[in-house]
């Protein structure tokens, strides 16, 4: 199994060569972490928080999911779907 985040090596005594290797390892690790965080930010920022559909009637939505929100044009109201309750008008 490959790990996403590498383990840092253990050093009992650091000489100049070890310090340089450790510094380069930290630079590499920081660069990879920055890349992964930026990629995640782009994914999160491009995902809409919610989607409101406009329908004539809520009956046109075959299988609503809990939390769905629509604007029912025929009633002129926003409605939300609650599992076990059905469509509820927002006031």
PDB file of N, CA and C in Angstrom:
ATOM      1  N   UNK A   1       0.850  -1.184   0.000  1.00  0.00           N
ATOM      2  CA  UNK A   1       0.000   0.000   0.000  1.00  0.00           C
ATOM      3  C   UNK A   1       0.889   1.239   0.000  1.00  0.00           C
ATOM      4  N   UNK A   2       0.652   2.127  -0.946  1.00  0.00           N
ATOM      5  CA  UNK A   2       1.421   3.372  -1.011  1.00  0.00           C
ATOM      6  C   UNK A   2       0.749   4.414  -0.129  1.00  0.00           C
ATOM      7  N   UNK A   3       1.558   5.128   0.598  1.00  0.00           N
ATOM      8  CA  UNK A   3       1.037   6.170   1.473  1.00  0.00           C
ATOM      9  C   UNK A   3       1.094   7.502   0.759  1.00  0.00           C
ATOM     10  N   UNK A   4       0.090   8.313   0.964  1.00  0.00           N
ATOM     11  CA  UNK A   4       0.028   9.616   0.336  1.00  0.00           C
ATOM     12  C   UNK A   4       1.073  10.556   0.926  1.00  0.00           C
ATOM     13  N   UNK A   5       1.284  10.475   2.225  1.00  0.00           N
ATOM     14  CA  UNK A   5       2.218  11.370   2.895  1.00  0.00           C
ATOM     15  C   UNK A   5       3.416  10.570   3.375  1.00  0.00           C
ATOM     16  N   UNK A   6       4.613  10.963   2.971  1.00  0.00           N
ATOM     17  CA  UNK A   6       5.802  10.193   3.356  1.00  0.00           C
ATOM     18  C   UNK A   6       6.181  10.419   4.817  1.00  0.00           C
ATOM     19  N   UNK A   7       6.831   9.423   5.375  1.00  0.00           N
ATOM     20  CA  UNK A   7       7.385   9.541   6.723  1.00  0.00           C
ATOM     21  C   UNK A   7       8.737  10.256   6.612  1.00  0.00           C
ATOM     22  N   UNK A   8       9.001  11.124   7.550  1.00  0.00           N
ATOM     23  CA  UNK A   8      10.316  11.764   7.575  1.00  0.00           C
ATOM     24  C   UNK A   8      11.313  10.815   8.223  1.00  0.00           C
ATOM     25  N   UNK A   9      12.540  10.790   7.715  1.00  0.00           N
ATOM     26  CA  UNK A   9      13.534   9.875   8.293  1.00  0.00           C
ATOM     27  C   UNK A   9      13.934  10.308   9.705  1.00  0.00           C
ATOM     28  N   UNK A  10      14.362   9.339  10.486  1.00  0.00           N
ATOM     29  CA  UNK A  10      14.859   9.588  11.842  1.00  0.00           C
ATOM     30  C   UNK A  10      16.377   9.795  11.769  1.00  0.00           C
ATOM     31  N   UNK A  11      16.853  10.827  12.398  1.00  0.00           N
ATOM     32  CA  UNK A  11      18.293  11.094  12.435  1.00  0.00           C
ATOM     33  C   UNK A  11      18.733  11.228  13.886  1.00  0.00           C
ATOM     34  N   UNK A  12      19.754  10.470  14.262  1.00  0.00           N
ATOM     35  CA  UNK A  12      20.305  10.598  15.605  1.00  0.00           C
ATOM     36  C   UNK A  12      21.273  11.779  15.652  1.00  0.00           C
ATOM     37  N   UNK A  13      22.105  11.861  14.659  1.00  0.00           N
ATOM     38  CA  UNK A  13      23.076  12.952  14.555  1.00  0.00           C
ATOM     39  C   UNK A  13      23.035  13.462  13.128  1.00  0.00           C
ATOM     40  N   UNK A  14      22.950  14.750  12.993  1.00  0.00           N
ATOM     41  CA  UNK A  14      22.876  15.344  11.668  1.00  0.00           C
ATOM     42  C   UNK A  14      24.196  15.968  11.278  1.00  0.00           C
ATOM     43  N   UNK A  15      24.726  15.532  10.151  1.00  0.00           N
ATOM     44  CA  UNK A  15      25.871  16.230   9.599  1.00  0.00           C
ATOM     45  C   UNK A  15      25.365  17.139   8.478  1.00  0.00           C
ATOM     46  N   UNK A  16      26.266  17.875   7.867  1.00  0.00           N
ATOM     47  CA  UNK A  16      25.855  18.846   6.850  1.00  0.00           C
ATOM     48  C   UNK A  16      25.131  18.163   5.696  1.00  0.00           C
ATOM     49  N   UNK A  17      25.552  17.009   5.288  1.00  0.00           N
ATOM     50  CA  UNK A  17      24.930  16.277   4.191  1.00  0.00           C
ATOM     51  C   UNK A  17      23.504  15.854   4.568  1.00  0.00           C
ATOM     52  N   UNK A  18      23.318  15.384   5.816  1.00  0.00           N
ATOM     53  CA  UNK A  18      21.988  14.984   6.284  1.00  0.00           C
ATOM     54  C   UNK A  18      21.036  16.171   6.336  1.00  0.00           C
ATOM     55  N   UNK A  19      21.537  17.312   6.774  1.00  0.00           N
ATOM     56  CA  UNK A  19      20.709  18.516   6.859  1.00  0.00           C
ATOM     57  C   UNK A  19      20.260  18.926   5.455  1.00  0.00           C
ATOM     58  N   UNK A  20      21.153  18.860   4.508  1.00  0.00           N
ATOM     59  CA  UNK A  20      20.805  19.215   3.130  1.00  0.00           C
ATOM     60  C   UNK A  20      19.772  18.241   2.555  1.00  0.00           C
ATOM     61  N   UNK A  21      19.949  16.945   2.800  1.00  0.00           N
ATOM     62  CA  UNK A  21      18.982  15.952   2.324  1.00  0.00           C
ATOM     63  C   UNK A  21      17.612  16.168   2.983  1.00  0.00           C
ATOM     64  N   UNK A  22      17.617  16.433   4.272  1.00  0.00           N
ATOM     65  CA  UNK A  22      16.369  16.660   4.986  1.00  0.00           C
ATOM     66  C   UNK A  22      15.663  17.915   4.469  1.00  0.00           C
ATOM     67  N   UNK A  23      16.419  18.970   4.230  1.00  0.00           N
ATOM     68  CA  UNK A  23      15.852  20.204   3.699  1.00  0.00           C
ATOM     69  C   UNK A  23      15.216  19.963   2.325  1.00  0.00           C
ATOM     70  N   UNK A  24      15.909  19.241   1.455  1.00  0.00           N
ATOM     71  CA  UNK A  24      15.372  18.945   0.125  1.00  0.00           C
ATOM     72  C   UNK A  24      14.118  18.067   0.211  1.00  0.00           C
ATOM     73  N   UNK A  25      14.117  17.134   1.153  1.00  0.00           N
ATOM     74  CA  UNK A  25      12.947  16.290   1.365  1.00  0.00           C
ATOM     75  C   UNK A  25      11.757  17.137   1.825  1.00  0.00           C
ATOM     76  N   UNK A  26      11.989  18.057   2.731  1.00  0.00           N
ATOM     77  CA  UNK A  26      10.926  18.946   3.209  1.00  0.00           C
ATOM     78  C   UNK A  26      10.412  19.857   2.088  1.00  0.00           C
ATOM     79  N   UNK A  27      11.307  20.351   1.233  1.00  0.00           N
ATOM     80  CA  UNK A  27      10.875  21.159   0.087  1.00  0.00           C
ATOM     81  C   UNK A  27       9.984  20.344  -0.851  1.00  0.00           C
ATOM     82  N   UNK A  28      10.367  19.116  -1.102  1.00  0.00           N
ATOM     83  CA  UNK A  28       9.585  18.241  -1.964  1.00  0.00           C
ATOM     84  C   UNK A  28       8.220  17.950  -1.348  1.00  0.00           C
ATOM     85  N   UNK A  29       8.214  17.635  -0.058  1.00  0.00           N
ATOM     86  CA  UNK A  29       6.975  17.338   0.660  1.00  0.00           C
ATOM     87  C   UNK A  29       6.047  18.558   0.655  1.00  0.00           C
ATOM     88  N   UNK A  30       6.598  19.739   0.915  1.00  0.00           N
ATOM     89  CA  UNK A  30       5.796  20.959   0.933  1.00  0.00           C
ATOM     90  C   UNK A  30       5.224  21.261  -0.451  1.00  0.00           C
ATOM     91  N   UNK A  31       6.004  21.044  -1.488  1.00  0.00           N
ATOM     92  CA  UNK A  31       5.525  21.272  -2.850  1.00  0.00           C
ATOM     93  C   UNK A  31       4.384  20.338  -3.208  1.00  0.00           C
ATOM     94  N   UNK A  32       4.500  19.065  -2.841  1.00  0.00           N
ATOM     95  CA  UNK A  32       3.441  18.094  -3.121  1.00  0.00           C
ATOM     96  C   UNK A  32       2.181  18.417  -2.327  1.00  0.00           C
ATOM     97  N   UNK A  33       2.350  18.795  -1.069  1.00  0.00           N
ATOM     98  CA  UNK A  33       1.208  19.149  -0.229  1.00  0.00           C
ATOM     99  C   UNK A  33       0.480  20.371  -0.798  1.00  0.00           C
ATOM    100  N   UNK A  34       1.237  21.371  -1.236  1.00  0.00           N
ATOM    101  CA  UNK A  34       0.656  22.572  -1.835  1.00  0.00           C
ATOM    102  C   UNK A  34      -0.131  22.211  -3.091  1.00  0.00           C
ATOM    103  N   UNK A  35       0.423  21.339  -3.921  1.00  0.00           N
ATOM    104  CA  UNK A  35      -0.256  20.899  -5.136  1.00  0.00           C
ATOM    105  C   UNK A  35      -1.574  20.201  -4.806  1.00  0.00           C
ATOM    106  N   UNK A  36      -1.537  19.270  -3.841  1.00  0.00           N
ATOM    107  CA  UNK A  36      -2.751  18.533  -3.461  1.00  0.00           C
ATOM    108  C   UNK A  36      -3.817  19.452  -2.874  1.00  0.00           C
ATOM    109  N   UNK A  37      -3.409  20.400  -2.036  1.00  0.00           N
ATOM    110  CA  UNK A  37      -4.376  21.340  -1.446  1.00  0.00           C
ATOM    111  C   UNK A  37      -4.990  22.260  -2.498  1.00  0.00           C
ATOM    112  N   UNK A  38      -4.176  22.732  -3.439  1.00  0.00           N
ATOM    113  CA  UNK A  38      -4.703  23.585  -4.496  1.00  0.00           C
ATOM    114  C   UNK A  38      -5.670  22.813  -5.393  1.00  0.00           C
ATOM    115  N   UNK A  39      -5.360  21.560  -5.692  1.00  0.00           N
ATOM    116  CA  UNK A  39      -6.259  20.733  -6.505  1.00  0.00           C
ATOM    117  C   UNK A  39      -7.580  20.518  -5.775  1.00  0.00           C
ATOM    118  N   UNK A  40      -7.513  20.291  -4.466  1.00  0.00           N
ATOM    119  CA  UNK A  40      -8.726  20.106  -3.665  1.00  0.00           C
ATOM    120  C   UNK A  40      -9.542  21.395  -3.629  1.00  0.00           C
ATOM    121  N   UNK A  41      -8.874  22.530  -3.483  1.00  0.00           N
ATOM    122  CA  UNK A  41      -9.576  23.819  -3.461  1.00  0.00           C
ATOM    123  C   UNK A  41     -10.328  24.064  -4.767  1.00  0.00           C
ATOM    124  N   UNK A  42      -9.704  23.742  -5.898  1.00  0.00           N
ATOM    125  CA  UNK A  42     -10.351  23.923  -7.197  1.00  0.00           C
ATOM    126  C   UNK A  42     -11.590  23.036  -7.269  1.00  0.00           C
ATOM    127  N   UNK A  43     -11.479  21.802  -6.811  1.00  0.00           N
ATOM    128  CA  UNK A  43     -12.617  20.883  -6.828  1.00  0.00           C
ATOM    129  C   UNK A  43     -13.753  21.389  -5.941  1.00  0.00           C
ATOM    130  N   UNK A  44     -13.427  21.825  -4.740  1.00  0.00           N
ATOM    131  CA  UNK A  44     -14.451  22.318  -3.810  1.00  0.00           C
ATOM    132  C   UNK A  44     -15.077  23.605  -4.335  1.00  0.00           C
ATOM    133  N   UNK A  45     -14.258  24.520  -4.834  1.00  0.00           N
ATOM    134  CA  UNK A  45     -14.771  25.800  -5.318  1.00  0.00           C
ATOM    135  C   UNK A  45     -15.633  25.650  -6.570  1.00  0.00           C
ATOM    136  N   UNK A  46     -15.416  24.597  -7.359  1.00  0.00           N
ATOM    137  CA  UNK A  46     -16.191  24.417  -8.583  1.00  0.00           C
ATOM    138  C   UNK A  46     -17.448  23.579  -8.368  1.00  0.00           C
ATOM    139  N   UNK A  47     -17.676  23.095  -7.159  1.00  0.00           N
ATOM    140  CA  UNK A  47     -18.869  22.314  -6.849  1.00  0.00           C
ATOM    141  C   UNK A  47     -19.936  23.250  -6.293  1.00  0.00           C
ATOM    142  N   UNK A  48     -21.107  23.296  -6.954  1.00  0.00           N
ATOM    143  CA  UNK A  48     -22.141  24.206  -6.451  1.00  0.00           C
ATOM    144  C   UNK A  48     -22.641  23.773  -5.082  1.00  0.00           C
ATOM    145  N   UNK A  49     -22.955  24.754  -4.249  1.00  0.00           N
ATOM    146  CA  UNK A  49     -23.452  24.462  -2.907  1.00  0.00           C
ATOM    147  C   UNK A  49     -24.874  23.915  -2.971  1.00  0.00           C
ATOM    148  N   UNK A  50     -25.648  24.423  -3.894  1.00  0.00           N
ATOM    149  CA  UNK A  50     -27.021  23.939  -4.034  1.00  0.00           C
ATOM    150  C   UNK A  50     -27.479  24.198  -5.453  1.00  0.00           C
ATOM    151  N   UNK A  51     -28.530  23.515  -5.809  1.00  0.00           N
ATOM    152  CA  UNK A  51     -29.108  23.674  -7.139  1.00  0.00           C
ATOM    153  C   UNK A  51     -30.611  23.779  -6.958  1.00  0.00           C
ATOM    154  N   UNK A  52     -31.197  24.848  -7.448  1.00  0.00           N
ATOM    155  CA  UNK A  52     -32.636  25.045  -7.351  1.00  0.00           C
ATOM    156  C   UNK A  52     -33.210  24.871  -8.750  1.00  0.00           C
ATOM    157  N   UNK A  53     -34.103  23.899  -8.895  1.00  0.00           N
ATOM    158  CA  UNK A  53     -34.752  23.645 -10.171  1.00  0.00           C
ATOM    159  C   UNK A  53     -36.046  24.439 -10.269  1.00  0.00           C
ATOM    160  N   UNK A  54     -36.408  24.821 -11.494  1.00  0.00           N
ATOM    161  CA  UNK A  54     -37.711  25.433 -11.729  1.00  0.00           C
ATOM    162  C   UNK A  54     -38.564  24.398 -12.438  1.00  0.00           C
ATOM    163  N   UNK A  55     -39.711  24.096 -11.848  1.00  0.00           N
ATOM    164  CA  UNK A  55     -40.626  23.112 -12.416  1.00  0.00           C
ATOM    165  C   UNK A  55     -42.030  23.713 -12.429  1.00  0.00           C
ATOM    166  N   UNK A  56     -42.887  23.156 -13.270  1.00  0.00           N
ATOM    167  CA  UNK A  56     -44.275  23.613 -13.267  1.00  0.00           C
ATOM    168  C   UNK A  56     -44.948  23.101 -12.004  1.00  0.00           C
ATOM    169  N   UNK A  57     -44.792  21.797 -11.736  1.00  0.00           N
ATOM    170  CA  UNK A  57     -45.310  21.210 -10.497  1.00  0.00           C
ATOM    171  C   UNK A  57     -44.263  20.251  -9.944  1.00  0.00           C
ATOM    172  N   UNK A  58     -44.296  20.024  -8.647  1.00  0.00           N
ATOM    173  CA  UNK A  58     -43.338  19.105  -8.038  1.00  0.00           C
ATOM    174  C   UNK A  58     -43.584  17.672  -8.474  1.00  0.00           C
ATOM    175  N   UNK A  59     -44.764  17.386  -8.998  1.00  0.00           N
ATOM    176  CA  UNK A  59     -45.063  16.033  -9.473  1.00  0.00           C
ATOM    177  C   UNK A  59     -44.181  15.646 -10.655  1.00  0.00           C
ATOM    178  N   UNK A  60     -43.597  16.630 -11.332  1.00  0.00           N
ATOM    179  CA  UNK A  60     -42.739  16.324 -12.480  1.00  0.00           C
ATOM    180  C   UNK A  60     -41.367  15.792 -12.064  1.00  0.00           C
ATOM    181  N   UNK A  61     -41.065  15.829 -10.773  1.00  0.00           N
ATOM    182  CA  UNK A  61     -39.807  15.280 -10.276  1.00  0.00           C
ATOM    183  C   UNK A  61     -40.088  13.854  -9.817  1.00  0.00           C
ATOM    184  N   UNK A  62     -39.576  12.904 -10.557  1.00  0.00           N
ATOM    185  CA  UNK A  62     -39.894  11.503 -10.301  1.00  0.00           C
ATOM    186  C   UNK A  62     -39.413  10.960  -8.975  1.00  0.00           C
ATOM    187  N   UNK A  63     -38.171  11.179  -8.648  1.00  0.00           N
ATOM    188  CA  UNK A  63     -37.591  10.633  -7.425  1.00  0.00           C
ATOM    189  C   UNK A  63     -36.832  11.727  -6.682  1.00  0.00           C
ATOM    190  N   UNK A  64     -37.524  12.547  -5.931  1.00  0.00           N
ATOM    191  CA  UNK A  64     -36.828  13.612  -5.201  1.00  0.00           C
ATOM    192  C   UNK A  64     -35.967  13.032  -4.083  1.00  0.00           C
ATOM    193  N   UNK A  65     -34.894  13.720  -3.804  1.00  0.00           N
ATOM    194  CA  UNK A  65     -33.997  13.328  -2.708  1.00  0.00           C
ATOM    195  C   UNK A  65     -34.212  14.287  -1.541  1.00  0.00           C
ATOM    196  N   UNK A  66     -33.958  13.787  -0.356  1.00  0.00           N
ATOM    197  CA  UNK A  66     -34.081  14.612   0.841  1.00  0.00           C
ATOM    198  C   UNK A  66     -33.217  15.858   0.684  1.00  0.00           C
ATOM    199  N   UNK A  67     -33.815  17.041   0.846  1.00  0.00           N
ATOM    200  CA  UNK A  67     -33.078  18.301   0.728  1.00  0.00           C
ATOM    201  C   UNK A  67     -33.193  18.968  -0.625  1.00  0.00           C
ATOM    202  N   UNK A  68     -33.851  18.320  -1.615  1.00  0.00           N
ATOM    203  CA  UNK A  68     -34.032  18.961  -2.914  1.00  0.00           C
ATOM    204  C   UNK A  68     -34.864  20.233  -2.751  1.00  0.00           C
ATOM    205  N   UNK A  69     -34.538  21.257  -3.542  1.00  0.00           N
ATOM    206  CA  UNK A  69     -35.264  22.523  -3.513  1.00  0.00           C
ATOM    207  C   UNK A  69     -35.701  22.836  -4.940  1.00  0.00           C
ATOM    208  N   UNK A  70     -36.967  23.245  -5.082  1.00  0.00           N
ATOM    209  CA  UNK A  70     -37.494  23.627  -6.395  1.00  0.00           C
ATOM    210  C   UNK A  70     -38.306  24.904  -6.263  1.00  0.00           C
ATOM    211  N   UNK A  71     -38.466  25.572  -7.394  1.00  0.00           N
ATOM    212  CA  UNK A  71     -39.432  26.653  -7.478  1.00  0.00           C
ATOM    213  C   UNK A  71     -40.593  26.107  -8.288  1.00  0.00           C
ATOM    214  N   UNK A  72     -41.750  25.936  -7.656  1.00  0.00           N
ATOM    215  CA  UNK A  72     -42.942  25.426  -8.325  1.00  0.00           C
ATOM    216  C   UNK A  72     -43.631  26.608  -8.983  1.00  0.00           C
ATOM    217  N   UNK A  73     -43.464  26.731 -10.303  1.00  0.00           N
ATOM    218  CA  UNK A  73     -43.978  27.894 -11.033  1.00  0.00           C
ATOM    219  C   UNK A  73     -45.492  27.994 -10.958  1.00  0.00           C
ATOM    220  N   UNK A  74     -46.178  26.848 -10.998  1.00  0.00           N
ATOM    221  CA  UNK A  74     -47.649  26.899 -10.979  1.00  0.00           C
ATOM    222  C   UNK A  74     -48.177  27.466  -9.657  1.00  0.00           C
ATOM    223  N   UNK A  75     -47.457  27.216  -8.560  1.00  0.00           N
ATOM    224  CA  UNK A  75     -47.878  27.725  -7.249  1.00  0.00           C
ATOM    225  C   UNK A  75     -47.187  29.034  -6.901  1.00  0.00           C
ATOM    226  N   UNK A  76     -46.092  29.346  -7.639  1.00  0.00           N
ATOM    227  CA  UNK A  76     -45.332  30.557  -7.336  1.00  0.00           C
ATOM    228  C   UNK A  76     -44.623  30.475  -5.996  1.00  0.00           C
ATOM    229  N   UNK A  77     -44.195  29.256  -5.609  1.00  0.00           N
ATOM    230  CA  UNK A  77     -43.562  29.060  -4.306  1.00  0.00           C
ATOM    231  C   UNK A  77     -42.305  28.201  -4.434  1.00  0.00           C
ATOM    232  N   UNK A  78     -41.392  28.447  -3.505  1.00  0.00           N
ATOM    233  CA  UNK A  78     -40.257  27.546  -3.342  1.00  0.00           C
ATOM    234  C   UNK A  78     -40.697  26.414  -2.434  1.00  0.00           C
ATOM    235  N   UNK A  79     -40.243  25.207  -2.770  1.00  0.00           N
ATOM    236  CA  UNK A  79     -40.587  24.035  -1.964  1.00  0.00           C
ATOM    237  C   UNK A  79     -39.338  23.202  -1.747  1.00  0.00           C
ATOM    238  N   UNK A  80     -39.292  22.584  -0.582  1.00  0.00           N
ATOM    239  CA  UNK A  80     -38.192  21.694  -0.246  1.00  0.00           C
ATOM    240  C   UNK A  80     -38.721  20.307   0.045  1.00  0.00           C
ATOM    241  N   UNK A  81     -37.949  19.289  -0.333  1.00  0.00           N
ATOM    242  CA  UNK A  81     -38.384  17.918  -0.116  1.00  0.00           C
ATOM    243  C   UNK A  81     -37.800  17.391   1.191  1.00  0.00           C
ATOM    244  N   UNK A  82     -38.682  16.844   2.024  1.00  0.00           N
ATOM    245  CA  UNK A  82     -38.287  16.256   3.306  1.00  0.00           C
ATOM    246  C   UNK A  82     -38.719  14.803   3.285  1.00  0.00           C
ATOM    247  N   UNK A  83     -37.757  13.906   3.442  1.00  0.00           N
ATOM    248  CA  UNK A  83     -38.055  12.479   3.428  1.00  0.00           C
ATOM    249  C   UNK A  83     -39.074  12.144   4.513  1.00  0.00           C
ATOM    250  N   UNK A  84     -40.111  11.435   4.133  1.00  0.00           N
ATOM    251  CA  UNK A  84     -41.144  11.048   5.088  1.00  0.00           C
ATOM    252  C   UNK A  84     -42.267  12.061   5.188  1.00  0.00           C
ATOM    253  N   UNK A  85     -42.028  13.295   4.760  1.00  0.00           N
ATOM    254  CA  UNK A  85     -43.041  14.352   4.823  1.00  0.00           C
ATOM    255  C   UNK A  85     -43.521  14.711   3.429  1.00  0.00           C
ATOM    256  N   UNK A  86     -42.597  14.762   2.499  1.00  0.00           N
ATOM    257  CA  UNK A  86     -42.912  15.169   1.129  1.00  0.00           C
ATOM    258  C   UNK A  86     -42.480  16.594   0.887  1.00  0.00           C
ATOM    259  N   UNK A  87     -43.103  17.241  -0.102  1.00  0.00           N
ATOM    260  CA  UNK A  87     -42.753  18.614  -0.455  1.00  0.00           C
ATOM    261  C   UNK A  87     -43.369  19.591   0.542  1.00  0.00           C
ATOM    262  N   UNK A  88     -42.546  20.512   1.031  1.00  0.00           N
ATOM    263  CA  UNK A  88     -42.970  21.496   2.017  1.00  0.00           C
ATOM    264  C   UNK A  88     -42.740  22.892   1.445  1.00  0.00           C
ATOM    265  N   UNK A  89     -43.768  23.736   1.542  1.00  0.00           N
ATOM    266  CA  UNK A  89     -43.632  25.123   1.056  1.00  0.00           C
ATOM    267  C   UNK A  89     -42.717  25.909   1.978  1.00  0.00           C
ATOM    268  N   UNK A  90     -41.863  26.740   1.359  1.00  0.00           N
ATOM    269  CA  UNK A  90     -41.101  27.709   2.146  1.00  0.00           C
ATOM    270  C   UNK A  90     -42.002  28.919   2.339  1.00  0.00           C
ATOM    271  N   UNK A  91     -41.943  29.529   3.460  1.00  0.00           N
ATOM    272  CA  UNK A  91     -42.829  30.674   3.716  1.00  0.00           C
ATOM    273  C   UNK A  91     -42.069  31.959   3.639  1.00  0.00           C
TER     274      UNK A  91
END
